[in-house]
Amino acid sequence: MGEAFICDYIRTAIGRYGGSLSNVRTDDLAAIPIKALQERNKSLDWAKVDDVYYGCANQAGEDNRNVARMASLLAGVPIEVPGMTINRLCGSGLDAVISAARAVKSGEADLILAGGVESMSRAPFVMPKASNAFSRQNEIFDTTIGWRFVNSRMKELYGTDSMPETGENVAEKFKITREDQDKFAFWSQEKANNAKKNKRFHKEITPVIIPQKKSEDIIFQEDEHLRLSSMDKLSKLPTPFRKGGCITAGNASGVNDGAACLIIASEKAIKDHNLNPIARIVAGATVGVEPQIMGIGPFPASKKVLGISNWNHEDLSVIEINEAFASQGLASLRLLGISDHDPRVNPNGGAIALGHPLGMSGARIAGTAALQLDKAGDKALATMCIGVGQGIAITMEKI
């Protein structure tokens, strides 16, 4: 088995739902990080790229017809380079990175672009075809997030709780209080705002130029989901998903737009193309969990990947856990034996503060973890929960 390395990583800034990126087509959005990587890696022979793997959870709108392939072509990558779109819902972008690493380690590839995209603002409404002849009825579904075209057997067997409802289920089962969730959310916002002030994200964000008809083009290059709410304000937010519940707009991730991409390479490709490795990918793992408590997925996924890596959590310098909800982040960390405010966890803020474009987020946390190793220690874990009950995790170490 060979080794696989992260050699570069870049992303767009994350847009609010209906915000600055909402006028950018999803396939065009996906192409932007690929173009930026081409500009930053002039020594790379792009015809030698073996494949492009992109995660995307929706695939019902402009991201249909294999958005990885379309993004590659739109970015000007040679037509001989193929592309594959991966859908593991929230874990799609991270699965793209793990799949790329496996292909490189096996020796079947030397150079793969791996990333993800999601435009939740542009997710379309969809309608099913009539289920019987002469039907005069129909339905319409919003594809932004969550269930549609529900199988009644699935509902009977496992439930079809919405994502916020699963967050409520986790909070109840693992006794995660509203106050602790709000504290975790505030800490995420605080860290993200500090990272913004310190220009921590400048290295990983490429500008998006958005043409305007009657004014100067907009140059979008700062995450716009960021806010810094006081604990008092967070504590007063309503809980719309369950009466007497604890999940709020303040302690949950956002609905967002964005794209990210990484270069995954073998030792041979690094030498051939004069690349600069950032981190070595050690292992990746996925698991299944109960769909109604899908948020607990990072716990068994992290245990599994740490076991494969022969590490324990005390060995880690960086822990990136996708904050779908504060409740599931806290429950997963506590089960792993990691404290609520461990400084290794999301040192630059997480999805509660930055946002969660579904197919992009896994690529973002993998890239962010790799870059953070340059500042802190030598071992990192990135992990996330996945709708319909899964978890995914990756380990990496500094070169």
Protein backbone atom coordinates (compact mmCIF):
# COMPACT_ATOMS: atom_id res chain seq x y z
CA MET A 1 0.00 0.00 0.00
CA GLY A 2 1.18 3.47 -0.84
CA GLU A 3 0.53 6.74 0.97
CA ALA A 4 -1.92 9.52 0.16
CA PHE A 5 -1.26 13.18 0.91
CA ILE A 6 -3.28 16.38 0.98
CA CYS A 7 -1.24 18.78 -1.14
CA ASP A 8 -3.54 21.80 -1.35
CA TYR A 9 -6.98 22.88 -0.23
CA ILE A 10 -9.18 25.82 -1.10
CA ARG A 11 -12.82 26.78 -0.72
CA THR A 12 -15.27 29.55 -1.38
CA ALA A 13 -16.53 31.62 1.50
CA ILE A 14 -19.80 30.20 2.81
CA GLY A 15 -22.95 32.03 1.80
CA ARG A 16 -26.19 32.48 3.73
CA TYR A 17 -29.39 30.91 2.44
CA GLY A 18 -30.64 33.35 -0.18
CA GLY A 19 -27.44 35.37 0.28
CA SER A 20 -24.49 36.40 -1.85
CA LEU A 21 -24.00 33.04 -3.58
CA SER A 22 -27.67 32.45 -4.33
CA ASN A 23 -27.31 33.82 -7.87
CA VAL A 24 -24.39 31.52 -8.69
CA ARG A 25 -25.33 28.29 -10.46
CA THR A 26 -24.35 25.19 -8.48
CA ASP A 27 -22.17 23.74 -11.25
CA ASP A 28 -20.40 27.10 -11.65
CA LEU A 29 -19.93 27.26 -7.88
CA ALA A 30 -18.37 23.79 -7.89
CA ALA A 31 -15.89 24.85 -10.59
CA ILE A 32 -14.53 27.83 -8.66
CA PRO A 33 -12.22 25.96 -6.22
CA ILE A 34 -10.92 23.79 -9.08
CA LYS A 35 -10.01 26.90 -11.09
CA ALA A 36 -8.31 28.38 -8.01
CA LEU A 37 -6.24 25.24 -7.51
CA GLN A 38 -5.14 25.41 -11.15
CA GLU A 39 -3.98 28.98 -10.65
CA ARG A 40 -2.08 28.09 -7.46
CA ASN A 41 -0.42 24.95 -8.85
CA LYS A 42 1.17 25.98 -12.13
CA SER A 43 3.65 23.09 -12.05
CA LEU A 44 0.88 20.49 -12.09
CA ASP A 45 0.13 18.82 -15.42
CA TRP A 46 -3.67 18.81 -15.20
CA ALA A 47 -4.00 16.21 -17.94
CA LYS A 48 -2.36 13.78 -15.49
CA VAL A 49 -5.18 14.09 -12.93
CA ASP A 50 -6.69 10.61 -12.64
CA ASP A 51 -10.17 11.63 -11.48
CA VAL A 52 -12.34 14.26 -9.84
CA TYR A 53 -14.49 13.21 -6.88
CA TYR A 54 -17.08 15.68 -5.65
CA GLY A 55 -19.63 15.26 -2.87
CA CYS A 56 -23.12 16.66 -3.34
CA ALA A 57 -26.23 15.82 -1.35
CA ASN A 58 -28.98 17.26 -3.53
CA GLN A 59 -28.40 16.54 -7.22
CA ALA A 60 -31.95 17.59 -8.12
CA GLY A 61 -31.18 20.92 -9.79
CA GLU A 62 -28.13 22.44 -11.48
CA ASP A 63 -26.08 19.80 -9.64
CA ASN A 64 -27.73 16.98 -11.63
CA ARG A 65 -25.97 15.04 -14.41
CA ASN A 66 -22.80 14.43 -12.38
CA VAL A 67 -21.77 17.81 -11.01
CA ALA A 68 -18.17 16.61 -10.50
CA ARG A 69 -17.76 16.08 -14.23
CA MET A 70 -19.54 19.32 -15.11
CA ALA A 71 -17.45 21.35 -12.63
CA SER A 72 -14.25 19.85 -14.00
CA LEU A 73 -15.18 20.76 -17.58
CA LEU A 74 -16.38 24.24 -16.60
CA ALA A 75 -13.08 24.81 -14.78
CA GLY A 76 -11.12 23.96 -17.92
CA VAL A 77 -9.66 20.66 -16.76
CA PRO A 78 -8.75 18.54 -19.82
CA ILE A 79 -11.65 16.46 -21.11
CA GLU A 80 -9.66 13.24 -20.62
CA VAL A 81 -9.98 13.68 -16.83
CA PRO A 82 -13.16 11.90 -15.62
CA GLY A 83 -15.41 12.88 -12.71
CA MET A 84 -17.65 11.16 -10.19
CA THR A 85 -20.26 12.62 -7.84
CA ILE A 86 -20.61 11.00 -4.41
CA ASN A 87 -23.76 11.18 -2.31
CA ARG A 88 -23.45 10.24 1.35
CA LEU A 89 -25.65 13.19 2.30
CA CYS A 90 -23.85 15.39 4.88
CA GLY A 91 -20.74 13.19 4.64
CA SER A 92 -20.43 13.45 0.86
CA GLY A 93 -17.47 15.85 0.73
CA LEU A 94 -15.52 13.91 3.36
CA ASP A 95 -16.30 10.65 1.59
CA ALA A 96 -14.85 12.16 -1.60
CA VAL A 97 -11.57 12.81 0.24
CA ILE A 98 -11.51 9.33 1.82
CA SER A 99 -12.35 7.64 -1.50
CA ALA A 100 -9.60 9.58 -3.24
CA ALA A 101 -7.10 8.57 -0.56
CA ARG A 102 -8.06 4.90 -0.93
CA ALA A 103 -7.60 5.01 -4.71
CA VAL A 104 -4.17 6.60 -4.31
CA LYS A 105 -3.10 4.21 -1.56
CA SER A 106 -4.13 1.21 -3.66
CA GLY A 107 -1.91 2.36 -6.51
CA GLU A 108 -4.81 2.73 -8.96
CA ALA A 109 -4.40 6.51 -9.03
CA ASP A 110 -1.70 9.05 -8.30
CA LEU A 111 -3.57 12.34 -8.44
CA ILE A 112 -7.22 13.07 -7.61
CA LEU A 113 -9.19 16.26 -6.99
CA ALA A 114 -11.60 15.68 -4.10
CA GLY A 115 -14.16 18.13 -2.79
CA GLY A 116 -17.80 19.00 -2.53
CA VAL A 117 -20.47 21.54 -3.35
CA GLU A 118 -23.94 22.50 -2.20
CA SER A 119 -26.19 25.37 -3.12
CA MET A 120 -29.07 25.03 -0.71
CA SER A 121 -30.39 28.39 -1.88
CA ARG A 122 -30.85 27.01 -5.40
CA ALA A 123 -32.23 23.59 -4.43
CA PRO A 124 -35.35 23.19 -6.56
CA PHE A 125 -38.89 22.12 -5.82
CA VAL A 126 -39.69 18.72 -7.35
CA MET A 127 -42.88 16.91 -8.28
CA PRO A 128 -43.43 13.16 -8.63
CA LYS A 129 -45.10 11.61 -11.63
CA ALA A 130 -48.67 10.38 -11.17
CA SER A 131 -48.78 7.03 -9.40
CA ASN A 132 -51.81 5.83 -11.33
CA ALA A 133 -53.60 6.55 -14.59
CA PHE A 134 -55.88 9.58 -14.76
CA SER A 135 -54.65 10.88 -11.41
CA ARG A 136 -55.79 14.45 -10.72
CA GLN A 137 -53.56 14.93 -7.68
CA ASN A 138 -49.92 15.71 -7.15
CA GLU A 139 -47.41 16.78 -4.51
CA ILE A 140 -44.49 19.17 -4.44
CA PHE A 141 -41.33 18.75 -2.35
CA ASP A 142 -38.66 21.25 -1.33
CA THR A 143 -35.24 19.64 -1.88
CA THR A 144 -33.28 22.07 0.31
CA ILE A 145 -32.87 19.54 3.12
CA GLY A 146 -34.52 16.46 4.57
CA TRP A 147 -36.93 13.76 3.49
CA ARG A 148 -39.02 13.68 0.31
CA PHE A 149 -40.74 10.85 -1.56
CA VAL A 150 -40.93 9.01 1.77
CA ASN A 151 -41.29 5.23 1.70
CA SER A 152 -44.06 4.31 4.14
CA ARG A 153 -42.15 1.16 5.11
CA MET A 154 -39.10 3.28 6.01
CA LYS A 155 -41.28 5.51 8.16
CA GLU A 156 -42.78 2.48 9.90
CA LEU A 157 -39.44 0.81 10.57
CA TYR A 158 -37.13 3.71 11.43
CA GLY A 159 -39.15 6.92 11.51
CA THR A 160 -38.59 9.87 9.22
CA ASP A 161 -37.79 12.56 11.76
CA SER A 162 -36.52 15.86 10.37
CA MET A 163 -32.92 16.77 11.08
CA PRO A 164 -33.84 19.15 13.95
CA GLU A 165 -36.06 16.45 15.44
CA THR A 166 -33.11 14.05 15.45
CA GLY A 167 -31.17 16.75 17.31
CA GLU A 168 -33.95 16.85 19.88
CA ASN A 169 -33.86 13.04 20.13
CA VAL A 170 -30.11 13.09 20.81
CA ALA A 171 -30.48 15.81 23.45
CA GLU A 172 -33.17 13.82 25.23
CA LYS A 173 -31.44 10.43 25.04
CA PHE A 174 -28.00 11.68 26.11
CA LYS A 175 -29.23 14.36 28.52
CA ILE A 176 -27.71 17.39 26.79
CA THR A 177 -29.16 20.52 28.37
CA ARG A 178 -30.28 23.62 26.48
CA GLU A 179 -27.80 25.72 28.46
CA ASP A 180 -24.87 23.50 27.50
CA GLN A 181 -25.93 23.61 23.85
CA ASP A 182 -26.11 27.40 23.89
CA LYS A 183 -22.69 27.59 25.54
CA PHE A 184 -21.25 25.33 22.84
CA ALA A 185 -22.88 27.46 20.13
CA PHE A 186 -21.56 30.70 21.64
CA TRP A 187 -18.06 29.23 21.81
CA SER A 188 -18.25 28.22 18.15
CA GLN A 189 -19.26 31.74 17.17
CA GLU A 190 -16.55 33.27 19.34
CA LYS A 191 -13.82 31.11 17.82
CA ALA A 192 -15.02 31.75 14.26
CA ASN A 193 -15.10 35.50 14.80
CA ASN A 194 -11.58 35.40 16.27
CA ALA A 195 -10.42 33.40 13.26
CA LYS A 196 -11.96 35.99 10.96
CA LYS A 197 -10.25 38.86 12.83
CA ASN A 198 -6.93 37.03 12.68
CA LYS A 199 -7.40 36.34 8.94
CA ARG A 200 -7.10 32.62 9.61
CA PHE A 201 -9.33 31.76 6.63
CA HIS A 202 -7.56 33.94 4.07
CA LYS A 203 -5.29 31.09 3.01
CA GLU A 204 -8.18 28.73 2.33
CA ILE A 205 -10.76 31.06 0.72
CA THR A 206 -10.76 31.97 -2.94
CA PRO A 207 -12.84 34.98 -4.01
CA VAL A 208 -16.06 34.50 -5.96
CA ILE A 209 -16.72 37.28 -8.47
CA ILE A 210 -20.46 37.86 -8.88
CA PRO A 211 -21.33 40.08 -11.87
CA GLN A 212 -23.90 42.85 -11.35
CA LYS A 213 -25.99 44.42 -14.10
CA LYS A 214 -26.00 48.03 -12.90
CA SER A 215 -23.14 48.24 -10.42
CA GLU A 216 -19.62 46.97 -9.83
CA ASP A 217 -19.10 43.23 -9.55
CA ILE A 218 -19.38 41.81 -6.03
CA ILE A 219 -16.21 40.13 -4.77
CA PHE A 220 -17.41 37.60 -2.22
CA GLN A 221 -14.60 36.37 0.01
CA GLU A 222 -15.77 36.34 3.64
CA ASP A 223 -18.10 33.83 5.32
CA GLU A 224 -21.42 35.63 5.69
CA HIS A 225 -23.24 33.27 8.06
CA LEU A 226 -21.09 34.49 10.96
CA ARG A 227 -22.71 36.32 13.87
CA LEU A 228 -21.88 36.70 17.53
CA SER A 229 -24.99 36.37 19.69
CA SER A 230 -24.80 36.82 23.46
CA MET A 231 -25.67 33.95 25.76
CA ASP A 232 -28.69 35.96 26.85
CA LYS A 233 -29.94 36.23 23.27
CA LEU A 234 -29.25 32.57 22.56
CA SER A 235 -31.17 31.52 25.66
CA LYS A 236 -34.28 33.40 24.52
CA LEU A 237 -34.56 31.92 21.03
CA PRO A 238 -37.67 29.79 20.40
CA THR A 239 -37.63 26.01 19.96
CA PRO A 240 -39.84 25.57 16.89
CA PHE A 241 -39.16 21.90 16.30
CA ARG A 242 -40.59 20.47 19.51
CA LYS A 243 -42.74 21.90 22.27
CA GLY A 244 -40.53 22.29 25.31
CA GLY A 245 -37.53 21.32 23.20
CA CYS A 246 -34.01 22.68 23.01
CA ILE A 247 -33.00 22.97 19.34
CA THR A 248 -32.97 26.59 18.12
CA ALA A 249 -31.69 28.58 15.18
CA GLY A 250 -28.80 29.60 17.44
CA ASN A 251 -27.50 26.16 18.45
CA ALA A 252 -27.94 24.48 15.05
CA SER A 253 -25.97 24.77 11.82
CA GLY A 254 -27.17 26.97 9.00
CA VAL A 255 -28.65 26.29 5.57
CA ASN A 256 -25.90 27.47 3.25
CA ASP A 257 -24.04 27.56 -0.06
CA GLY A 258 -20.40 26.82 -0.84
CA ALA A 259 -17.78 24.63 -2.52
CA ALA A 260 -14.35 23.25 -1.59
CA CYS A 261 -11.66 21.15 -3.23
CA LEU A 262 -8.42 19.39 -2.24
CA ILE A 263 -5.55 17.86 -4.18
CA ILE A 264 -4.88 14.27 -3.06
CA ALA A 265 -1.60 12.85 -4.36
CA SER A 266 0.81 9.94 -4.10
CA GLU A 267 4.53 10.33 -3.36
CA LYS A 268 5.21 9.82 -7.07
CA ALA A 269 2.78 12.60 -8.08
CA ILE A 270 4.30 14.94 -5.49
CA LYS A 271 7.72 14.47 -7.09
CA ASP A 272 6.48 14.55 -10.68
CA HIS A 273 4.45 17.74 -10.23
CA ASN A 274 6.53 19.55 -7.60
CA LEU A 275 3.67 19.59 -5.07
CA ASN A 276 3.91 20.54 -1.41
CA PRO A 277 2.23 17.98 0.88
CA ILE A 278 0.37 19.41 3.88
CA ALA A 279 -0.72 16.23 5.64
CA ARG A 280 -0.69 12.46 5.22
CA ILE A 281 -4.10 10.77 5.24
CA VAL A 282 -3.90 7.89 7.68
CA ALA A 283 -7.36 6.27 7.58
CA GLY A 284 -11.06 6.79 6.92
CA ALA A 285 -14.13 5.01 8.25
CA THR A 286 -17.93 5.04 8.07
CA VAL A 287 -20.57 3.49 10.34
CA GLY A 288 -24.34 3.14 10.60
CA VAL A 289 -26.45 4.30 13.56
CA GLU A 290 -30.15 4.61 14.34
CA PRO A 291 -31.65 7.14 11.89
CA GLN A 292 -33.63 8.84 14.68
CA ILE A 293 -30.38 9.66 16.51
CA MET A 294 -28.24 10.16 13.40
CA GLY A 295 -26.30 12.91 15.17
CA ILE A 296 -24.42 10.41 17.31
CA GLY A 297 -22.61 9.10 14.21
CA PRO A 298 -19.28 10.84 14.93
CA PHE A 299 -18.83 8.77 18.11
CA PRO A 300 -18.65 5.26 16.58
CA ALA A 301 -17.05 6.55 13.36
CA SER A 302 -14.27 8.24 15.36
CA LYS A 303 -13.77 5.15 17.53
CA LYS A 304 -13.47 3.03 14.41
CA VAL A 305 -11.01 5.27 12.57
CA LEU A 306 -8.90 5.85 15.69
CA GLY A 307 -8.70 2.06 16.12
CA ILE A 308 -7.57 1.62 12.50
CA SER A 309 -4.96 4.35 13.06
CA ASN A 310 -3.79 2.85 16.38
CA TRP A 311 -4.44 6.19 18.07
CA ASN A 312 -6.62 7.36 20.92
CA HIS A 313 -8.16 10.78 21.35
CA GLU A 314 -5.34 11.90 23.67
CA ASP A 315 -2.97 11.64 20.68
CA LEU A 316 -4.94 14.21 18.70
CA SER A 317 -3.89 17.84 18.34
CA VAL A 318 -6.84 18.92 16.17
CA ILE A 319 -10.44 17.68 16.28
CA GLU A 320 -12.84 18.95 13.62
CA ILE A 321 -16.39 17.80 14.31
CA ASN A 322 -19.14 19.10 12.07
CA GLU A 323 -21.62 20.96 14.26
CA ALA A 324 -24.91 19.93 12.70
CA PHE A 325 -26.44 20.60 16.12
CA ALA A 326 -24.80 21.48 19.41
CA SER A 327 -26.67 18.56 20.99
CA GLN A 328 -25.11 15.94 18.74
CA GLY A 329 -21.66 17.51 18.85
CA LEU A 330 -21.68 17.50 22.63
CA ALA A 331 -23.10 13.97 22.90
CA SER A 332 -20.47 12.59 20.50
CA LEU A 333 -17.59 14.36 22.22
CA ARG A 334 -18.69 13.26 25.69
CA LEU A 335 -18.98 9.63 24.60
CA LEU A 336 -15.43 9.88 23.23
CA GLY A 337 -14.26 11.22 26.61
CA ILE A 338 -13.57 14.73 25.28
CA SER A 339 -14.68 17.74 27.32
CA ASP A 340 -17.23 20.25 26.04
CA HIS A 341 -14.68 23.05 25.74
CA ASP A 342 -11.57 21.13 24.76
CA PRO A 343 -9.43 23.69 22.88
CA ARG A 344 -8.56 21.08 20.25
CA VAL A 345 -12.18 21.01 19.06
CA ASN A 346 -13.03 23.25 16.08
CA PRO A 347 -10.38 25.85 17.01
CA ASN A 348 -11.62 28.20 14.28
CA GLY A 349 -15.32 27.63 14.88
CA GLY A 350 -17.64 25.08 13.36
CA ALA A 351 -20.80 24.77 11.29
CA ILE A 352 -22.99 26.51 13.88
CA ALA A 353 -20.99 29.67 13.23
CA LEU A 354 -19.75 29.16 9.67
CA GLY A 355 -22.66 27.27 8.13
CA HIS A 356 -23.20 23.82 6.66
CA PRO A 357 -23.47 23.51 2.85
CA LEU A 358 -24.16 19.79 2.94
CA GLY A 359 -21.92 18.39 0.19
CA MET A 360 -19.14 20.88 0.87
CA SER A 361 -18.78 20.60 4.66
CA GLY A 362 -16.83 17.34 4.81
CA ALA A 363 -14.23 18.64 2.36
CA ARG A 364 -14.04 21.86 4.38
CA ILE A 365 -13.39 20.19 7.72
CA ALA A 366 -10.78 17.87 6.17
CA GLY A 367 -8.94 20.79 4.58
CA THR A 368 -9.25 23.01 7.64
CA ALA A 369 -7.90 20.22 9.87
CA ALA A 370 -4.91 19.72 7.56
CA LEU A 371 -4.07 23.43 7.58
CA GLN A 372 -4.51 23.64 11.35
CA LEU A 373 -1.81 21.00 11.85
CA ASP A 374 0.67 23.59 10.63
CA LYS A 375 -0.17 25.58 13.77
CA ALA A 376 -0.84 22.88 16.35
CA GLY A 377 0.62 19.41 16.85
CA ASP A 378 0.84 16.53 14.43
CA LYS A 379 -2.36 14.43 14.46
CA ALA A 380 -5.90 15.39 13.44
CA LEU A 381 -9.38 13.89 13.29
CA ALA A 382 -12.28 15.18 11.19
CA THR A 383 -15.72 13.65 11.70
CA MET A 384 -19.40 14.27 11.06
CA CYS A 385 -22.89 12.86 11.39
CA ILE A 386 -24.98 11.92 8.37
CA GLY A 387 -28.73 11.95 7.76
CA VAL A 388 -30.58 8.61 7.73
CA GLY A 389 -28.19 7.37 10.41
CA GLN A 390 -24.48 7.24 9.57
CA GLY A 391 -21.19 8.64 10.75
CA ILE A 392 -17.90 9.27 8.93
CA ALA A 393 -14.38 10.13 10.10
CA ILE A 394 -10.84 10.61 8.78
CA THR A 395 -7.45 10.78 10.47
CA MET A 396 -4.38 12.60 9.18
CA GLU A 397 -0.95 13.61 10.38
CA LYS A 398 1.44 16.43 9.73
CA ILE A 399 4.29 15.81 7.30
